[in-house]
Amino acid sequence: MTFAVIKTGGKQYKVSPKDKIKIEKLDKPEGEEVVFDDVLLVSENGNVKIGNPLVEGAKQGKGEKLIVFKYKAKKRYKKKIGHRQRFTEAEITAIK
């Protein structure tokens, strides 16, 4: 089984070929190929080495809406805020 551990956006992801992952938003247009240089580990059939996974078919999007609600009892204080995290969806095409 071939897999790699890459680092992007301050997080680490274990990826295999043809995996789709959601990562922190990248400043790239949709459809542009992205190369991840921060490869921490590559394993091919038990042999561990360093390589470069290539990514193609990245897509921009937003995550689910999170509601932040602040409330103070007996003081008539309520505050409701929503947040949607932006992300990039990427498909791993090859690990080299």
N, C-alpha and C. Protein backbone atom coordinates (compact mmCIF):
# COMPACT_ATOMS: atom_id res chain seq x y z
N MET A 1 0.84 -1.18 0.00
CA MET A 1 0.00 0.00 0.00
C MET A 1 0.89 1.24 0.00
N THR A 2 0.63 2.15 -0.91
CA THR A 2 1.40 3.38 -1.03
C THR A 2 0.66 4.50 -0.32
N PHE A 3 1.37 5.21 0.56
CA PHE A 3 0.80 6.38 1.20
C PHE A 3 1.91 7.36 1.53
N ALA A 4 1.51 8.60 1.82
CA ALA A 4 2.47 9.64 2.18
C ALA A 4 1.86 10.49 3.29
N VAL A 5 2.72 11.15 4.04
CA VAL A 5 2.29 12.11 5.04
C VAL A 5 2.81 13.47 4.58
N ILE A 6 1.87 14.41 4.32
CA ILE A 6 2.25 15.74 3.85
C ILE A 6 1.87 16.77 4.90
N LYS A 7 2.51 17.93 4.81
CA LYS A 7 2.22 19.02 5.74
C LYS A 7 1.79 20.23 4.93
N THR A 8 0.60 20.77 5.24
CA THR A 8 0.10 21.97 4.59
C THR A 8 -0.84 22.69 5.54
N GLY A 9 -0.76 23.99 5.58
CA GLY A 9 -1.63 24.78 6.44
C GLY A 9 -1.43 24.52 7.92
N GLY A 10 -0.22 24.12 8.32
CA GLY A 10 0.07 23.86 9.71
C GLY A 10 -0.46 22.54 10.23
N LYS A 11 -0.96 21.69 9.33
CA LYS A 11 -1.50 20.39 9.73
C LYS A 11 -0.85 19.30 8.89
N GLN A 12 -0.91 18.07 9.38
CA GLN A 12 -0.36 16.93 8.66
C GLN A 12 -1.49 16.03 8.20
N TYR A 13 -1.36 15.50 6.97
CA TYR A 13 -2.39 14.64 6.38
C TYR A 13 -1.75 13.37 5.84
N LYS A 14 -2.38 12.24 6.11
CA LYS A 14 -1.95 10.97 5.52
C LYS A 14 -2.77 10.79 4.25
N VAL A 15 -2.09 10.67 3.10
CA VAL A 15 -2.78 10.59 1.81
C VAL A 15 -2.31 9.38 1.03
N SER A 16 -3.20 8.88 0.20
CA SER A 16 -2.92 7.80 -0.74
C SER A 16 -3.35 8.27 -2.12
N PRO A 17 -2.89 7.62 -3.20
CA PRO A 17 -3.35 8.01 -4.53
C PRO A 17 -4.87 7.90 -4.63
N LYS A 18 -5.48 8.85 -5.33
CA LYS A 18 -6.93 8.96 -5.57
C LYS A 18 -7.73 9.33 -4.33
N ASP A 19 -7.06 9.79 -3.25
CA ASP A 19 -7.76 10.29 -2.07
C ASP A 19 -8.23 11.71 -2.34
N LYS A 20 -9.36 12.10 -1.73
CA LYS A 20 -9.83 13.48 -1.76
C LYS A 20 -9.76 14.00 -0.33
N ILE A 21 -9.06 15.12 -0.14
CA ILE A 21 -8.89 15.68 1.19
C ILE A 21 -9.33 17.14 1.20
N LYS A 22 -9.78 17.61 2.35
CA LYS A 22 -10.12 19.02 2.53
C LYS A 22 -9.03 19.63 3.38
N ILE A 23 -8.34 20.64 2.82
CA ILE A 23 -7.22 21.29 3.50
C ILE A 23 -7.52 22.76 3.66
N GLU A 24 -6.69 23.47 4.44
CA GLU A 24 -6.86 24.90 4.60
C GLU A 24 -6.81 25.57 3.22
N LYS A 25 -7.56 26.67 3.05
CA LYS A 25 -7.70 27.31 1.75
C LYS A 25 -6.34 27.75 1.20
N LEU A 26 -6.10 27.41 -0.07
CA LEU A 26 -4.88 27.82 -0.77
C LEU A 26 -5.19 28.98 -1.70
N ASP A 27 -4.20 29.83 -1.95
CA ASP A 27 -4.37 30.98 -2.85
C ASP A 27 -4.11 30.57 -4.29
N LYS A 28 -4.82 29.58 -4.78
CA LYS A 28 -4.69 29.09 -6.15
C LYS A 28 -6.08 29.03 -6.76
N PRO A 29 -6.20 29.28 -8.08
CA PRO A 29 -7.51 29.13 -8.72
C PRO A 29 -7.91 27.66 -8.82
N GLU A 30 -9.21 27.43 -8.96
CA GLU A 30 -9.71 26.06 -9.08
C GLU A 30 -9.16 25.39 -10.33
N GLY A 31 -8.83 24.12 -10.22
CA GLY A 31 -8.34 23.36 -11.36
C GLY A 31 -6.84 23.42 -11.57
N GLU A 32 -6.14 24.30 -10.87
CA GLU A 32 -4.69 24.40 -11.04
C GLU A 32 -3.99 23.30 -10.25
N GLU A 33 -2.93 22.74 -10.82
CA GLU A 33 -2.17 21.67 -10.15
C GLU A 33 -1.28 22.27 -9.07
N VAL A 34 -1.26 21.62 -7.92
CA VAL A 34 -0.48 22.07 -6.77
C VAL A 34 0.51 20.97 -6.39
N VAL A 35 1.74 21.35 -6.09
CA VAL A 35 2.76 20.39 -5.66
C VAL A 35 3.05 20.66 -4.19
N PHE A 36 2.96 19.62 -3.35
CA PHE A 36 3.29 19.74 -1.94
C PHE A 36 4.75 19.36 -1.75
N ASP A 37 5.56 20.33 -1.29
CA ASP A 37 6.98 20.10 -1.09
C ASP A 37 7.29 19.56 0.31
N ASP A 38 6.42 19.84 1.27
CA ASP A 38 6.65 19.39 2.65
C ASP A 38 6.13 17.97 2.82
N VAL A 39 6.93 17.01 2.38
CA VAL A 39 6.57 15.59 2.50
C VAL A 39 7.36 15.03 3.67
N LEU A 40 6.64 14.52 4.64
CA LEU A 40 7.29 14.01 5.84
C LEU A 40 7.63 12.53 5.73
N LEU A 41 6.82 11.76 4.97
CA LEU A 41 7.03 10.33 4.90
C LEU A 41 6.35 9.78 3.65
N VAL A 42 7.02 8.85 2.98
CA VAL A 42 6.42 8.11 1.86
C VAL A 42 6.69 6.64 2.09
N SER A 43 5.65 5.82 2.00
CA SER A 43 5.79 4.39 2.19
C SER A 43 5.23 3.66 0.98
N GLU A 44 6.05 2.82 0.36
CA GLU A 44 5.64 1.99 -0.77
C GLU A 44 5.92 0.54 -0.42
N ASN A 45 4.87 -0.23 -0.16
CA ASN A 45 4.98 -1.66 0.16
C ASN A 45 5.99 -1.92 1.28
N GLY A 46 5.96 -1.10 2.32
CA GLY A 46 6.85 -1.30 3.45
C GLY A 46 8.17 -0.56 3.35
N ASN A 47 8.56 -0.07 2.17
CA ASN A 47 9.79 0.70 2.00
C ASN A 47 9.50 2.17 2.27
N VAL A 48 10.17 2.75 3.24
CA VAL A 48 9.93 4.13 3.62
C VAL A 48 10.98 5.01 2.94
N LYS A 49 10.51 6.08 2.27
CA LYS A 49 11.42 7.03 1.64
C LYS A 49 10.74 8.38 1.49
N ILE A 50 11.48 9.37 0.96
CA ILE A 50 10.96 10.73 0.80
C ILE A 50 10.59 10.93 -0.67
N GLY A 51 9.46 11.60 -0.91
CA GLY A 51 9.02 11.87 -2.28
C GLY A 51 8.16 13.11 -2.35
N ASN A 52 7.56 13.37 -3.51
CA ASN A 52 6.70 14.54 -3.72
C ASN A 52 5.35 14.11 -4.27
N PRO A 53 4.26 14.24 -3.50
CA PRO A 53 2.95 13.94 -4.07
C PRO A 53 2.46 15.10 -4.94
N LEU A 54 1.84 14.79 -6.04
CA LEU A 54 1.28 15.79 -6.94
C LEU A 54 -0.22 15.84 -6.75
N VAL A 55 -0.79 17.05 -6.80
CA VAL A 55 -2.22 17.22 -6.59
C VAL A 55 -2.82 17.90 -7.80
N GLU A 56 -3.96 17.41 -8.24
CA GLU A 56 -4.67 17.99 -9.38
C GLU A 56 -6.15 18.00 -9.05
N GLY A 57 -6.87 18.94 -9.58
CA GLY A 57 -8.32 18.98 -9.38
C GLY A 57 -8.72 19.60 -8.05
N ALA A 58 -8.00 20.62 -7.59
CA ALA A 58 -8.36 21.28 -6.34
C ALA A 58 -9.63 22.10 -6.52
N LYS A 59 -10.44 22.15 -5.49
CA LYS A 59 -11.71 22.86 -5.54
C LYS A 59 -11.83 23.71 -4.28
N GLN A 60 -12.32 24.96 -4.41
CA GLN A 60 -12.50 25.85 -3.27
C GLN A 60 -13.91 25.67 -2.72
N GLY A 61 -14.09 25.90 -1.44
CA GLY A 61 -15.41 25.78 -0.85
C GLY A 61 -15.44 26.32 0.57
N LYS A 62 -16.60 26.14 1.21
CA LYS A 62 -16.79 26.56 2.59
C LYS A 62 -17.29 25.38 3.40
N GLY A 63 -16.88 25.31 4.65
CA GLY A 63 -17.33 24.24 5.53
C GLY A 63 -18.73 24.53 6.06
N GLU A 64 -19.22 23.66 6.94
CA GLU A 64 -20.53 23.86 7.54
C GLU A 64 -20.51 25.07 8.46
N LYS A 65 -21.68 25.70 8.62
CA LYS A 65 -21.78 26.88 9.45
C LYS A 65 -21.73 26.50 10.93
N LEU A 66 -20.85 27.17 11.67
CA LEU A 66 -20.75 26.98 13.11
C LEU A 66 -21.40 28.18 13.79
N ILE A 67 -22.21 27.94 14.80
CA ILE A 67 -22.89 29.00 15.53
C ILE A 67 -22.18 29.20 16.87
N VAL A 68 -21.80 30.45 17.13
CA VAL A 68 -21.21 30.83 18.41
C VAL A 68 -22.26 31.67 19.12
N PHE A 69 -22.69 31.24 20.29
CA PHE A 69 -23.76 31.93 21.02
C PHE A 69 -23.27 32.29 22.41
N LYS A 70 -23.29 33.59 22.72
CA LYS A 70 -22.90 34.07 24.04
C LYS A 70 -24.18 34.50 24.78
N TYR A 71 -24.23 34.20 26.07
CA TYR A 71 -25.43 34.48 26.84
C TYR A 71 -25.04 34.72 28.29
N LYS A 72 -25.62 35.77 28.87
CA LYS A 72 -25.41 36.03 30.30
C LYS A 72 -26.77 35.99 30.98
N ALA A 73 -26.89 35.13 31.96
CA ALA A 73 -28.17 34.95 32.65
C ALA A 73 -28.60 36.22 33.38
N LYS A 74 -29.87 36.52 33.33
CA LYS A 74 -30.52 37.61 34.07
C LYS A 74 -30.02 38.99 33.68
N LYS A 75 -29.33 39.14 32.56
CA LYS A 75 -28.79 40.44 32.16
C LYS A 75 -29.27 40.89 30.78
N ARG A 76 -30.13 40.11 30.13
CA ARG A 76 -30.66 40.42 28.79
C ARG A 76 -29.53 40.58 27.76
N TYR A 77 -28.49 39.81 27.92
CA TYR A 77 -27.36 39.87 26.99
C TYR A 77 -27.31 38.59 26.19
N LYS A 78 -27.47 38.72 24.87
CA LYS A 78 -27.36 37.58 23.96
C LYS A 78 -26.60 38.04 22.72
N LYS A 79 -25.74 37.18 22.23
CA LYS A 79 -24.98 37.51 21.03
C LYS A 79 -24.82 36.23 20.22
N LYS A 80 -25.22 36.26 18.95
CA LYS A 80 -25.16 35.08 18.09
C LYS A 80 -24.31 35.42 16.86
N ILE A 81 -23.29 34.60 16.63
CA ILE A 81 -22.37 34.81 15.51
C ILE A 81 -22.22 33.50 14.76
N GLY A 82 -22.19 33.55 13.43
CA GLY A 82 -21.96 32.36 12.61
C GLY A 82 -20.62 32.45 11.90
N HIS A 83 -20.03 31.30 11.61
CA HIS A 83 -18.72 31.26 10.93
C HIS A 83 -18.67 30.06 9.99
N ARG A 84 -18.16 30.27 8.78
CA ARG A 84 -17.93 29.18 7.83
C ARG A 84 -16.48 29.21 7.41
N GLN A 85 -15.74 28.14 7.73
CA GLN A 85 -14.32 28.05 7.41
C GLN A 85 -14.14 27.77 5.92
N ARG A 86 -13.27 28.51 5.27
CA ARG A 86 -12.97 28.28 3.85
C ARG A 86 -11.94 27.16 3.73
N PHE A 87 -12.08 26.32 2.70
CA PHE A 87 -11.17 25.20 2.52
C PHE A 87 -10.93 24.97 1.04
N THR A 88 -9.94 24.15 0.74
CA THR A 88 -9.64 23.69 -0.61
C THR A 88 -9.77 22.17 -0.61
N GLU A 89 -10.56 21.64 -1.53
CA GLU A 89 -10.68 20.19 -1.67
C GLU A 89 -9.73 19.76 -2.77
N ALA A 90 -8.85 18.81 -2.45
CA ALA A 90 -7.84 18.38 -3.41
C ALA A 90 -7.89 16.87 -3.58
N GLU A 91 -7.59 16.42 -4.80
CA GLU A 91 -7.51 14.99 -5.09
C GLU A 91 -6.05 14.64 -5.34
N ILE A 92 -5.55 13.63 -4.65
CA ILE A 92 -4.17 13.19 -4.81
C ILE A 92 -4.13 12.29 -6.04
N THR A 93 -3.35 12.68 -7.06
CA THR A 93 -3.28 11.90 -8.29
C THR A 93 -2.10 10.94 -8.30
N ALA A 94 -0.98 11.35 -7.71
CA ALA A 94 0.21 10.48 -7.75
C ALA A 94 1.12 10.81 -6.57
N ILE A 95 1.86 9.82 -6.15
CA ILE A 95 2.90 10.01 -5.14
C ILE A 95 4.21 9.57 -5.78
N LYS A 96 5.13 10.54 -5.93
CA LYS A 96 6.40 10.25 -6.60
C LYS A 96 7.55 10.57 -5.68
